[in-house]
N, C-alpha and C. Protein backbone atom coordinates (compact mmCIF):
# COMPACT_ATOMS: atom_id res chain seq x y z
N MET A 1 0.85 -1.16 0.00
CA MET A 1 0.00 0.00 0.00
C MET A 1 0.90 1.22 0.00
N ASP A 2 0.66 2.15 -0.91
CA ASP A 2 1.43 3.38 -1.01
C ASP A 2 0.64 4.51 -0.36
N CYS A 3 1.09 4.96 0.81
CA CYS A 3 0.36 5.98 1.55
C CYS A 3 0.74 7.39 1.12
N GLY A 4 1.86 7.52 0.51
CA GLY A 4 2.29 8.85 0.07
C GLY A 4 2.38 9.79 1.26
N MET A 5 1.81 10.99 1.12
CA MET A 5 1.88 12.00 2.16
C MET A 5 0.69 11.93 3.12
N ASN A 6 -0.32 11.12 2.85
CA ASN A 6 -1.51 11.08 3.68
C ASN A 6 -1.42 9.91 4.66
N PHE A 7 -0.64 10.08 5.72
CA PHE A 7 -0.41 9.02 6.71
C PHE A 7 -1.68 8.70 7.48
N SER A 8 -2.48 9.67 7.81
CA SER A 8 -3.69 9.46 8.60
C SER A 8 -4.68 8.57 7.86
N SER A 9 -4.88 8.80 6.60
CA SER A 9 -5.80 8.00 5.79
C SER A 9 -5.30 6.57 5.65
N CYS A 10 -4.01 6.40 5.46
CA CYS A 10 -3.40 5.08 5.33
C CYS A 10 -3.54 4.31 6.65
N TYR A 11 -3.31 4.98 7.77
CA TYR A 11 -3.41 4.35 9.08
C TYR A 11 -4.84 3.86 9.33
N GLU A 12 -5.82 4.67 8.98
CA GLU A 12 -7.22 4.29 9.16
C GLU A 12 -7.58 3.07 8.31
N THR A 13 -7.08 3.00 7.09
CA THR A 13 -7.34 1.88 6.20
C THR A 13 -6.75 0.59 6.77
N VAL A 14 -5.51 0.67 7.26
CA VAL A 14 -4.85 -0.50 7.82
C VAL A 14 -5.59 -0.98 9.08
N VAL A 15 -5.95 -0.07 9.96
CA VAL A 15 -6.65 -0.43 11.19
C VAL A 15 -8.01 -1.06 10.86
N THR A 16 -8.74 -0.49 9.93
CA THR A 16 -10.04 -1.02 9.53
C THR A 16 -9.89 -2.44 8.96
N SER A 17 -8.87 -2.65 8.14
CA SER A 17 -8.63 -3.97 7.56
C SER A 17 -8.29 -4.99 8.65
N LEU A 18 -7.45 -4.60 9.60
CA LEU A 18 -7.08 -5.51 10.68
C LEU A 18 -8.30 -5.87 11.53
N ILE A 19 -9.15 -4.92 11.80
CA ILE A 19 -10.36 -5.19 12.58
C ILE A 19 -11.27 -6.16 11.83
N MET A 20 -11.44 -5.96 10.51
CA MET A 20 -12.26 -6.87 9.70
C MET A 20 -11.69 -8.28 9.69
N TYR A 21 -10.36 -8.39 9.52
CA TYR A 21 -9.73 -9.71 9.50
C TYR A 21 -9.88 -10.40 10.85
N ARG A 22 -9.71 -9.63 11.93
CA ARG A 22 -9.86 -10.19 13.28
C ARG A 22 -11.29 -10.68 13.49
N GLN A 23 -12.28 -9.93 13.06
CA GLN A 23 -13.67 -10.33 13.22
C GLN A 23 -13.98 -11.59 12.40
N MET A 24 -13.44 -11.66 11.19
CA MET A 24 -13.65 -12.84 10.36
C MET A 24 -13.01 -14.08 10.99
N LEU A 25 -11.79 -13.90 11.54
CA LEU A 25 -11.10 -15.01 12.17
C LEU A 25 -11.88 -15.50 13.39
N LEU A 26 -12.37 -14.59 14.23
CA LEU A 26 -13.18 -14.97 15.39
C LEU A 26 -14.47 -15.67 14.97
N LEU A 27 -15.09 -15.18 13.91
CA LEU A 27 -16.31 -15.81 13.40
C LEU A 27 -16.03 -17.25 12.95
N LEU A 28 -14.95 -17.45 12.20
CA LEU A 28 -14.59 -18.80 11.73
C LEU A 28 -14.28 -19.73 12.89
N ILE A 29 -13.53 -19.24 13.87
CA ILE A 29 -13.22 -20.07 15.04
C ILE A 29 -14.51 -20.44 15.77
N GLY A 30 -15.39 -19.49 15.93
CA GLY A 30 -16.67 -19.74 16.61
C GLY A 30 -17.51 -20.76 15.86
N LEU A 31 -17.59 -20.63 14.53
CA LEU A 31 -18.37 -21.58 13.73
C LEU A 31 -17.80 -22.99 13.81
N CYS A 32 -16.48 -23.10 13.76
CA CYS A 32 -15.85 -24.42 13.87
C CYS A 32 -16.12 -25.05 15.24
N ALA A 33 -15.99 -24.25 16.29
CA ALA A 33 -16.26 -24.77 17.64
C ALA A 33 -17.73 -25.18 17.78
N LEU A 34 -18.64 -24.36 17.24
CA LEU A 34 -20.05 -24.66 17.32
C LEU A 34 -20.37 -25.94 16.56
N ARG A 35 -19.83 -26.10 15.36
CA ARG A 35 -20.07 -27.30 14.56
C ARG A 35 -19.56 -28.54 15.28
N SER A 36 -18.36 -28.44 15.84
CA SER A 36 -17.78 -29.58 16.54
C SER A 36 -18.64 -29.97 17.74
N GLY A 37 -19.04 -29.01 18.52
CA GLY A 37 -19.86 -29.29 19.69
C GLY A 37 -21.22 -29.82 19.34
N LEU A 38 -21.87 -29.23 18.35
CA LEU A 38 -23.21 -29.68 17.97
C LEU A 38 -23.19 -31.04 17.31
N ALA A 39 -22.22 -31.27 16.43
CA ALA A 39 -22.19 -32.53 15.69
C ALA A 39 -22.03 -33.70 16.64
N GLN A 40 -21.10 -33.60 17.60
CA GLN A 40 -20.88 -34.72 18.49
C GLN A 40 -22.07 -34.92 19.42
N SER A 41 -22.64 -33.83 19.93
CA SER A 41 -23.74 -33.99 20.87
C SER A 41 -25.03 -34.38 20.15
N ASP A 42 -25.13 -34.09 18.87
CA ASP A 42 -26.34 -34.41 18.13
C ASP A 42 -26.33 -35.83 17.55
N LEU A 43 -25.18 -36.48 17.50
CA LEU A 43 -25.09 -37.80 16.90
C LEU A 43 -25.89 -38.79 17.75
N GLN A 44 -26.86 -39.42 17.12
CA GLN A 44 -27.67 -40.43 17.78
C GLN A 44 -27.68 -41.67 16.89
N ILE A 45 -27.46 -42.81 17.51
CA ILE A 45 -27.37 -44.07 16.77
C ILE A 45 -28.27 -45.10 17.44
N VAL A 46 -29.05 -45.79 16.62
CA VAL A 46 -29.86 -46.90 17.11
C VAL A 46 -29.42 -48.15 16.37
N ILE A 47 -29.19 -49.23 17.12
CA ILE A 47 -28.86 -50.51 16.50
C ILE A 47 -30.18 -51.20 16.19
N ASP A 48 -30.41 -51.45 14.91
CA ASP A 48 -31.67 -52.05 14.46
C ASP A 48 -31.65 -53.57 14.53
N ASN A 49 -30.52 -54.16 14.15
CA ASN A 49 -30.43 -55.62 14.08
C ASN A 49 -28.96 -56.03 14.08
N ILE A 50 -28.69 -57.24 14.53
CA ILE A 50 -27.33 -57.79 14.50
C ILE A 50 -27.40 -59.21 13.98
N ASP A 51 -26.69 -59.48 12.88
CA ASP A 51 -26.55 -60.85 12.37
C ASP A 51 -25.21 -61.38 12.87
N THR A 52 -25.24 -62.54 13.51
CA THR A 52 -24.04 -63.11 14.12
C THR A 52 -23.75 -64.48 13.53
N GLU A 53 -22.52 -64.69 13.12
CA GLU A 53 -22.04 -66.01 12.70
C GLU A 53 -20.82 -66.33 13.55
N VAL A 54 -20.86 -67.46 14.27
CA VAL A 54 -19.74 -67.82 15.12
C VAL A 54 -19.22 -69.20 14.76
N ASN A 55 -17.94 -69.39 14.99
CA ASN A 55 -17.31 -70.69 14.84
C ASN A 55 -17.52 -71.41 16.17
N GLU A 56 -18.29 -72.49 16.18
CA GLU A 56 -18.66 -73.17 17.41
C GLU A 56 -17.48 -73.84 18.11
N GLU A 57 -16.35 -73.91 17.45
CA GLU A 57 -15.14 -74.40 18.10
C GLU A 57 -14.65 -73.36 19.13
N TYR A 58 -15.00 -72.10 18.90
CA TYR A 58 -14.57 -71.01 19.78
C TYR A 58 -15.69 -70.46 20.66
N PHE A 59 -16.93 -70.48 20.18
CA PHE A 59 -18.06 -69.89 20.90
C PHE A 59 -19.22 -70.88 20.97
N GLN A 60 -19.90 -70.88 22.12
CA GLN A 60 -21.10 -71.69 22.31
C GLN A 60 -22.20 -70.79 22.88
N ASN A 61 -23.44 -71.13 22.56
CA ASN A 61 -24.59 -70.42 23.12
C ASN A 61 -24.43 -68.90 23.02
N CYS A 62 -24.12 -68.45 21.84
CA CYS A 62 -23.81 -67.04 21.63
C CYS A 62 -25.02 -66.29 21.10
N LYS A 63 -25.44 -65.28 21.85
CA LYS A 63 -26.57 -64.45 21.45
C LYS A 63 -26.17 -62.98 21.62
N ILE A 64 -26.14 -62.26 20.51
CA ILE A 64 -25.80 -60.84 20.52
C ILE A 64 -26.94 -60.12 19.81
N GLU A 65 -27.57 -59.20 20.52
CA GLU A 65 -28.74 -58.52 19.93
C GLU A 65 -28.87 -57.10 20.49
N PRO A 66 -29.56 -56.25 19.73
CA PRO A 66 -29.79 -54.89 20.22
C PRO A 66 -30.86 -54.88 21.31
N CYS A 67 -30.81 -53.86 22.16
CA CYS A 67 -31.84 -53.68 23.19
C CYS A 67 -32.88 -52.71 22.66
N GLU A 68 -34.10 -52.92 23.09
CA GLU A 68 -35.16 -51.96 22.78
C GLU A 68 -34.93 -50.73 23.63
N ASN A 69 -34.92 -49.56 22.99
CA ASN A 69 -34.78 -48.33 23.77
C ASN A 69 -35.35 -47.17 22.98
N SER A 70 -35.73 -46.14 23.69
CA SER A 70 -36.28 -44.95 23.04
C SER A 70 -35.34 -43.77 23.18
N ALA A 71 -34.16 -44.00 23.75
CA ALA A 71 -33.22 -42.90 24.00
C ALA A 71 -32.31 -42.60 22.81
N LEU A 72 -32.44 -43.31 21.71
CA LEU A 72 -31.62 -43.14 20.52
C LEU A 72 -30.13 -43.25 20.84
N VAL A 73 -29.78 -44.27 21.62
CA VAL A 73 -28.39 -44.59 21.90
C VAL A 73 -28.16 -46.05 21.54
N PRO A 74 -26.95 -46.39 21.07
CA PRO A 74 -26.69 -47.78 20.69
C PRO A 74 -26.50 -48.67 21.93
N THR A 75 -27.38 -49.65 22.09
CA THR A 75 -27.28 -50.58 23.23
C THR A 75 -27.36 -52.01 22.73
N ILE A 76 -26.55 -52.88 23.36
CA ILE A 76 -26.56 -54.28 22.97
C ILE A 76 -26.56 -55.18 24.20
N THR A 77 -27.05 -56.39 23.99
CA THR A 77 -27.01 -57.44 25.00
C THR A 77 -26.17 -58.58 24.42
N ILE A 78 -25.26 -59.09 25.25
CA ILE A 78 -24.38 -60.18 24.82
C ILE A 78 -24.43 -61.28 25.87
N HIS A 79 -24.76 -62.48 25.43
CA HIS A 79 -24.66 -63.68 26.26
C HIS A 79 -23.90 -64.69 25.41
N CYS A 80 -22.69 -65.01 25.82
CA CYS A 80 -21.85 -65.84 24.96
C CYS A 80 -20.80 -66.55 25.81
N GLU A 81 -20.48 -67.76 25.41
CA GLU A 81 -19.46 -68.52 26.11
C GLU A 81 -18.27 -68.73 25.16
N PHE A 82 -17.12 -68.16 25.56
CA PHE A 82 -15.88 -68.37 24.82
C PHE A 82 -15.34 -69.71 25.33
N VAL A 83 -15.34 -70.73 24.50
CA VAL A 83 -14.95 -72.07 24.96
C VAL A 83 -13.52 -72.43 24.59
N LYS A 84 -12.88 -71.60 23.79
CA LYS A 84 -11.51 -71.87 23.38
C LYS A 84 -10.75 -70.54 23.35
N GLU A 85 -9.49 -70.60 23.72
CA GLU A 85 -8.64 -69.41 23.71
C GLU A 85 -8.63 -68.77 22.32
N ILE A 86 -8.80 -67.44 22.28
CA ILE A 86 -8.71 -66.70 21.02
C ILE A 86 -7.23 -66.37 20.81
N PRO A 87 -6.59 -66.95 19.79
CA PRO A 87 -5.14 -66.74 19.61
C PRO A 87 -4.77 -65.26 19.50
N LYS A 88 -3.57 -64.93 19.99
CA LYS A 88 -3.15 -63.53 19.99
C LYS A 88 -2.96 -62.97 18.59
N ASP A 89 -2.77 -63.80 17.61
CA ASP A 89 -2.61 -63.33 16.23
C ASP A 89 -3.93 -63.25 15.47
N THR A 90 -5.05 -63.39 16.18
CA THR A 90 -6.35 -63.24 15.54
C THR A 90 -6.50 -61.80 15.06
N ARG A 91 -6.94 -61.62 13.83
CA ARG A 91 -7.12 -60.29 13.25
C ARG A 91 -8.59 -59.88 13.37
N VAL A 92 -8.79 -58.66 13.79
CA VAL A 92 -10.13 -58.08 13.85
C VAL A 92 -10.17 -57.00 12.78
N HIS A 93 -11.10 -57.11 11.86
CA HIS A 93 -11.24 -56.13 10.78
C HIS A 93 -12.67 -55.63 10.79
N SER A 94 -12.83 -54.31 10.95
CA SER A 94 -14.18 -53.75 10.96
C SER A 94 -14.26 -52.61 9.95
N VAL A 95 -15.38 -52.60 9.23
CA VAL A 95 -15.61 -51.60 8.18
C VAL A 95 -17.05 -51.11 8.31
N LEU A 96 -17.22 -49.79 8.22
CA LEU A 96 -18.55 -49.19 8.26
C LEU A 96 -18.98 -48.86 6.83
N TYR A 97 -20.13 -49.41 6.44
CA TYR A 97 -20.71 -49.19 5.12
C TYR A 97 -21.99 -48.38 5.25
N GLY A 98 -22.26 -47.52 4.29
CA GLY A 98 -23.57 -46.91 4.20
C GLY A 98 -24.52 -47.94 3.60
N MET A 99 -25.81 -47.72 3.72
CA MET A 99 -26.79 -48.65 3.17
C MET A 99 -27.79 -47.89 2.30
N ILE A 100 -28.11 -48.48 1.16
CA ILE A 100 -29.16 -47.95 0.29
C ILE A 100 -30.06 -49.12 -0.08
N ASN A 101 -31.34 -48.98 0.20
CA ASN A 101 -32.33 -50.03 -0.08
C ASN A 101 -31.92 -51.39 0.50
N GLY A 102 -31.35 -51.36 1.71
CA GLY A 102 -30.98 -52.60 2.38
C GLY A 102 -29.70 -53.24 1.91
N GLU A 103 -28.98 -52.60 1.00
CA GLU A 103 -27.73 -53.15 0.48
C GLU A 103 -26.57 -52.23 0.84
N PRO A 104 -25.42 -52.81 1.26
CA PRO A 104 -24.25 -51.98 1.58
C PRO A 104 -23.73 -51.23 0.36
N THR A 105 -23.29 -50.00 0.60
CA THR A 105 -22.67 -49.19 -0.46
C THR A 105 -21.16 -49.24 -0.26
N ASP A 106 -20.45 -48.31 -0.86
CA ASP A 106 -19.01 -48.23 -0.67
C ASP A 106 -18.69 -47.94 0.79
N PRO A 107 -17.50 -48.36 1.28
CA PRO A 107 -17.12 -48.06 2.66
C PRO A 107 -17.13 -46.55 2.92
N THR A 108 -17.40 -46.18 4.18
CA THR A 108 -17.49 -44.77 4.57
C THR A 108 -16.13 -44.16 4.89
N GLY A 109 -15.11 -44.99 5.00
CA GLY A 109 -13.80 -44.50 5.42
C GLY A 109 -13.43 -45.00 6.81
N VAL A 110 -14.40 -45.51 7.56
CA VAL A 110 -14.10 -46.12 8.85
C VAL A 110 -13.71 -47.57 8.55
N ASP A 111 -12.42 -47.84 8.64
CA ASP A 111 -11.86 -49.15 8.32
C ASP A 111 -10.76 -49.41 9.34
N ILE A 112 -11.03 -50.28 10.29
CA ILE A 112 -10.10 -50.50 11.41
C ILE A 112 -9.65 -51.96 11.40
N GLU A 113 -8.34 -52.15 11.52
CA GLU A 113 -7.80 -53.50 11.60
C GLU A 113 -6.81 -53.55 12.75
N MET A 114 -6.93 -54.58 13.58
CA MET A 114 -6.04 -54.76 14.71
C MET A 114 -6.00 -56.23 15.07
N ASN A 115 -5.04 -56.61 15.92
CA ASN A 115 -5.06 -57.99 16.40
C ASN A 115 -5.83 -58.05 17.71
N SER A 116 -6.11 -59.26 18.17
CA SER A 116 -6.95 -59.41 19.35
C SER A 116 -6.32 -58.80 20.59
N CYS A 117 -5.00 -58.73 20.66
CA CYS A 117 -4.34 -58.10 21.81
C CYS A 117 -4.53 -56.58 21.78
N GLN A 118 -4.50 -55.99 20.61
CA GLN A 118 -4.71 -54.55 20.49
C GLN A 118 -6.14 -54.15 20.86
N MET A 119 -7.09 -55.08 20.71
CA MET A 119 -8.48 -54.78 21.07
C MET A 119 -8.58 -54.37 22.54
N MET A 120 -7.77 -54.97 23.39
CA MET A 120 -7.82 -54.68 24.83
C MET A 120 -7.53 -53.21 25.10
N ASN A 121 -6.68 -52.59 24.28
CA ASN A 121 -6.28 -51.20 24.49
C ASN A 121 -7.08 -50.21 23.63
N ASP A 122 -7.98 -50.71 22.83
CA ASP A 122 -8.79 -49.84 21.97
C ASP A 122 -9.64 -48.92 22.85
N THR A 123 -9.78 -47.67 22.44
CA THR A 123 -10.58 -46.72 23.23
C THR A 123 -11.89 -46.36 22.56
N MET A 124 -12.08 -46.76 21.29
CA MET A 124 -13.29 -46.34 20.58
C MET A 124 -14.50 -47.22 20.90
N ALA A 125 -14.38 -48.51 20.75
CA ALA A 125 -15.54 -49.38 20.98
C ALA A 125 -15.15 -50.73 21.57
N MET A 126 -14.21 -51.41 20.94
CA MET A 126 -13.90 -52.78 21.36
C MET A 126 -13.32 -52.85 22.77
N GLY A 127 -12.37 -51.99 23.10
CA GLY A 127 -11.76 -52.00 24.43
C GLY A 127 -12.78 -51.78 25.54
N PRO A 128 -13.59 -50.69 25.45
CA PRO A 128 -14.61 -50.49 26.49
C PRO A 128 -15.62 -51.65 26.57
N LEU A 129 -15.96 -52.24 25.42
CA LEU A 129 -16.90 -53.37 25.42
C LEU A 129 -16.29 -54.57 26.14
N LEU A 130 -15.03 -54.90 25.86
CA LEU A 130 -14.38 -56.03 26.51
C LEU A 130 -14.26 -55.80 28.02
N LYS A 131 -13.99 -54.55 28.42
CA LYS A 131 -13.92 -54.24 29.86
C LYS A 131 -15.29 -54.39 30.50
N ALA A 132 -16.33 -53.96 29.80
CA ALA A 132 -17.69 -54.09 30.35
C ALA A 132 -18.08 -55.56 30.50
N MET A 133 -17.53 -56.43 29.64
CA MET A 133 -17.81 -57.86 29.74
C MET A 133 -16.95 -58.52 30.80
N LYS A 134 -16.14 -57.71 31.51
CA LYS A 134 -15.26 -58.18 32.59
C LYS A 134 -14.25 -59.20 32.10
N MET A 135 -13.75 -58.98 30.90
CA MET A 135 -12.72 -59.86 30.36
C MET A 135 -11.37 -59.42 30.88
N ALA A 136 -10.54 -60.38 31.22
CA ALA A 136 -9.19 -60.08 31.71
C ALA A 136 -8.42 -59.35 30.62
N ALA A 137 -7.65 -58.36 31.02
CA ALA A 137 -6.88 -57.58 30.06
C ALA A 137 -5.58 -58.30 29.70
N SER A 138 -5.69 -59.58 29.45
CA SER A 138 -4.53 -60.37 29.07
C SER A 138 -4.72 -60.88 27.65
N CYS A 139 -3.61 -61.22 27.07
CA CYS A 139 -3.65 -61.72 25.70
C CYS A 139 -2.83 -62.99 25.66
N PRO A 140 -3.30 -64.05 25.05
CA PRO A 140 -4.53 -64.18 24.29
C PRO A 140 -5.78 -64.19 25.18
N ILE A 141 -6.94 -63.99 24.53
CA ILE A 141 -8.21 -63.96 25.25
C ILE A 141 -8.54 -65.38 25.69
N GLN A 142 -8.76 -65.52 26.99
CA GLN A 142 -9.00 -66.84 27.59
C GLN A 142 -10.49 -67.21 27.53
N PRO A 143 -10.80 -68.50 27.61
CA PRO A 143 -12.20 -68.92 27.66
C PRO A 143 -12.92 -68.27 28.85
N ILE A 144 -14.14 -67.83 28.61
CA ILE A 144 -14.93 -67.15 29.64
C ILE A 144 -16.38 -67.15 29.21
N LYS A 145 -17.27 -67.12 30.17
CA LYS A 145 -18.69 -66.97 29.88
C LYS A 145 -19.04 -65.52 30.17
N VAL A 146 -19.61 -64.82 29.18
CA VAL A 146 -19.93 -63.41 29.37
C VAL A 146 -21.43 -63.19 29.28
N SER A 147 -21.86 -62.24 30.09
CA SER A 147 -23.26 -61.85 30.10
C SER A 147 -23.31 -60.35 30.32
N LEU A 148 -23.86 -59.65 29.38
CA LEU A 148 -23.91 -58.19 29.43
C LEU A 148 -25.26 -57.75 28.92
N ASP A 149 -26.01 -57.06 29.76
CA ASP A 149 -27.36 -56.65 29.40
C ASP A 149 -27.44 -55.16 29.10
N CYS A 150 -27.92 -54.84 27.92
CA CYS A 150 -28.19 -53.46 27.48
C CYS A 150 -27.03 -52.51 27.74
N TYR A 151 -25.85 -52.91 27.26
CA TYR A 151 -24.64 -52.09 27.36
C TYR A 151 -24.76 -50.92 26.38
N VAL A 152 -24.52 -49.71 26.86
CA VAL A 152 -24.56 -48.52 26.02
C VAL A 152 -23.17 -48.31 25.42
N ILE A 153 -23.08 -48.39 24.10
CA ILE A 153 -21.80 -48.22 23.41
C ILE A 153 -21.41 -46.74 23.46
N PRO A 154 -20.20 -46.43 23.96
CA PRO A 154 -19.79 -45.03 24.07
C PRO A 154 -19.55 -44.41 22.70
N LEU A 155 -19.98 -43.16 22.55
CA LEU A 155 -19.81 -42.44 21.29
C LEU A 155 -18.78 -41.32 21.39
N ASP A 156 -18.07 -41.23 22.51
CA ASP A 156 -17.14 -40.13 22.74
C ASP A 156 -16.10 -39.99 21.64
N GLU A 157 -15.57 -41.10 21.14
CA GLU A 157 -14.51 -41.03 20.12
C GLU A 157 -15.00 -41.41 18.73
N PHE A 158 -16.32 -41.54 18.58
CA PHE A 158 -16.87 -41.89 17.28
C PHE A 158 -16.84 -40.67 16.38
N PRO A 159 -16.42 -40.81 15.12
CA PRO A 159 -16.39 -39.66 14.21
C PRO A 159 -17.77 -39.01 14.11
N ASP A 160 -17.79 -37.68 13.98
CA ASP A 160 -19.07 -36.95 14.02
C ASP A 160 -19.55 -36.46 12.67
N TYR A 161 -18.96 -36.95 11.58
CA TYR A 161 -19.26 -36.37 10.28
C TYR A 161 -20.23 -37.19 9.44
N PHE A 162 -20.95 -38.13 10.02
CA PHE A 162 -21.82 -38.98 9.23
C PHE A 162 -23.21 -38.36 9.06
N PRO A 163 -23.74 -38.41 7.85
CA PRO A 163 -25.12 -37.93 7.65
C PRO A 163 -26.12 -38.95 8.18
N SER A 164 -27.34 -38.49 8.42
CA SER A 164 -28.40 -39.40 8.86
C SER A 164 -28.61 -40.47 7.80
N GLY A 165 -28.96 -41.66 8.24
CA GLY A 165 -29.22 -42.75 7.31
C GLY A 165 -28.93 -44.10 7.93
N GLU A 166 -28.98 -45.14 7.10
CA GLU A 166 -28.75 -46.51 7.54
C GLU A 166 -27.32 -46.92 7.24
N TYR A 167 -26.74 -47.71 8.16
CA TYR A 167 -25.36 -48.15 8.05
C TYR A 167 -25.23 -49.61 8.45
N ASN A 168 -24.17 -50.26 7.95
CA ASN A 168 -23.83 -51.63 8.32
C ASN A 168 -22.39 -51.61 8.82
N TYR A 169 -22.20 -52.00 10.08
CA TYR A 169 -20.86 -52.10 10.65
C TYR A 169 -20.50 -53.57 10.64
N ASN A 170 -19.57 -53.96 9.75
CA ASN A 170 -19.16 -55.34 9.56
C ASN A 170 -17.88 -55.59 10.36
N ILE A 171 -17.93 -56.58 11.27
CA ILE A 171 -16.79 -56.92 12.12
C ILE A 171 -16.46 -58.39 11.91
N VAL A 172 -15.20 -58.67 11.55
CA VAL A 172 -14.78 -60.04 11.27
C VAL A 172 -13.55 -60.37 12.11
N LEU A 173 -13.60 -61.51 12.81
CA LEU A 173 -12.45 -62.05 13.53
C LEU A 173 -11.97 -63.27 12.77
N ASP A 174 -10.71 -63.23 12.33
CA ASP A 174 -10.11 -64.33 11.58
C ASP A 174 -8.79 -64.73 12.22
N TYR A 175 -8.54 -66.02 12.26
CA TYR A 175 -7.22 -66.51 12.66
C TYR A 175 -6.70 -67.39 11.53
N GLU A 176 -5.62 -66.93 10.90
CA GLU A 176 -5.08 -67.58 9.72
C GLU A 176 -6.22 -67.73 8.71
N ASP A 177 -6.61 -68.95 8.34
CA ASP A 177 -7.68 -69.14 7.37
C ASP A 177 -9.02 -69.49 8.02
N VAL A 178 -9.11 -69.34 9.34
CA VAL A 178 -10.32 -69.73 10.07
C VAL A 178 -11.11 -68.49 10.46
N ASN A 179 -12.39 -68.47 10.08
CA ASN A 179 -13.28 -67.40 10.51
C ASN A 179 -13.78 -67.75 11.91
N ILE A 180 -13.48 -66.88 12.89
CA ILE A 180 -13.90 -67.13 14.27
C ILE A 180 -15.27 -66.52 14.53
N MET A 181 -15.49 -65.31 14.02
CA MET A 181 -16.79 -64.65 14.22
C MET A 181 -16.98 -63.57 13.17
N THR A 182 -18.22 -63.42 12.73
CA THR A 182 -18.60 -62.32 11.85
C THR A 182 -19.86 -61.68 12.42
N LEU A 183 -19.82 -60.37 12.57
CA LEU A 183 -20.98 -59.61 13.03
C LEU A 183 -21.33 -58.58 11.97
N ASN A 184 -22.59 -58.50 11.64
CA ASN A 184 -23.11 -57.41 10.81
C ASN A 184 -24.09 -56.64 11.68
N VAL A 185 -23.69 -55.44 12.06
CA VAL A 185 -24.50 -54.60 12.94
C VAL A 185 -25.19 -53.56 12.06
N TYR A 186 -26.51 -53.63 11.99
CA TYR A 186 -27.30 -52.70 11.18
C TYR A 186 -27.80 -51.57 12.06
N MET A 187 -27.45 -50.34 11.68
CA MET A 187 -27.73 -49.18 12.52
C MET A 187 -28.39 -48.08 11.72
N THR A 188 -29.07 -47.20 12.43
CA THR A 188 -29.60 -45.97 11.86
C THR A 188 -29.00 -44.81 12.62
N PHE A 189 -28.43 -43.86 11.86
CA PHE A 189 -27.86 -42.64 12.45
C PHE A 189 -28.89 -41.53 12.31
N TYR A 190 -29.09 -40.78 13.37
CA TYR A 190 -30.02 -39.64 13.37
C TYR A 190 -29.24 -38.37 13.65
C-alpha cells in the first residue's frame, strides 16, 4: 500500500482492515467450535439388528442382539461362552458401510484393523466393550462366559461427520484361514 503524504488515511485503512480480518477469524473459530460441539452432541445411533455367525469351536450359546430403547443410543445385549482361547494373532477387521435399499454401499472410510491383543487397548468401541464384559486384560483372550445386558456403546470417540441414514458395521475375527466370528451390525444414524 502506497500511503504517500496522507499518513492518517493510510493508518485508518490498515486499522479497519485488521479489525475486519480479526472479526472474520473470530467468526470462523466460533463456527468451527459450534459445529464440533453440535455434531458430536447431536449424533444419535440406534442398533436395528445384528446378524451373528460364530465358529462353534470357539463360541457356544452365543446371542448378541440390540436392546429396545427410546433414548436413541446404541445398546446391545451379549450372552456368549468363549470355549476356546482366542489366539493372539487373531485379526479383527471392521468396516462401516452406508446402506441404500438394504444393500451396503461403498465403505465410509471407517476401516479398522487390529489384532486381538490390540483390542484390549482400543478406546473407541472394542476395548470399552471387553472391559464391560469383565474380560481379563490379558492376551490371548482366555475362555470365559460373558453376560452383558443393554450395554450402552460409548460415542465419545466416534467420528461426528456422518449424515443421517442406515449403516452396516461389519466386524470379522479371523485366525489364519479360520473365521472365528462375523458380526453385521445394522444401525440408523439420526
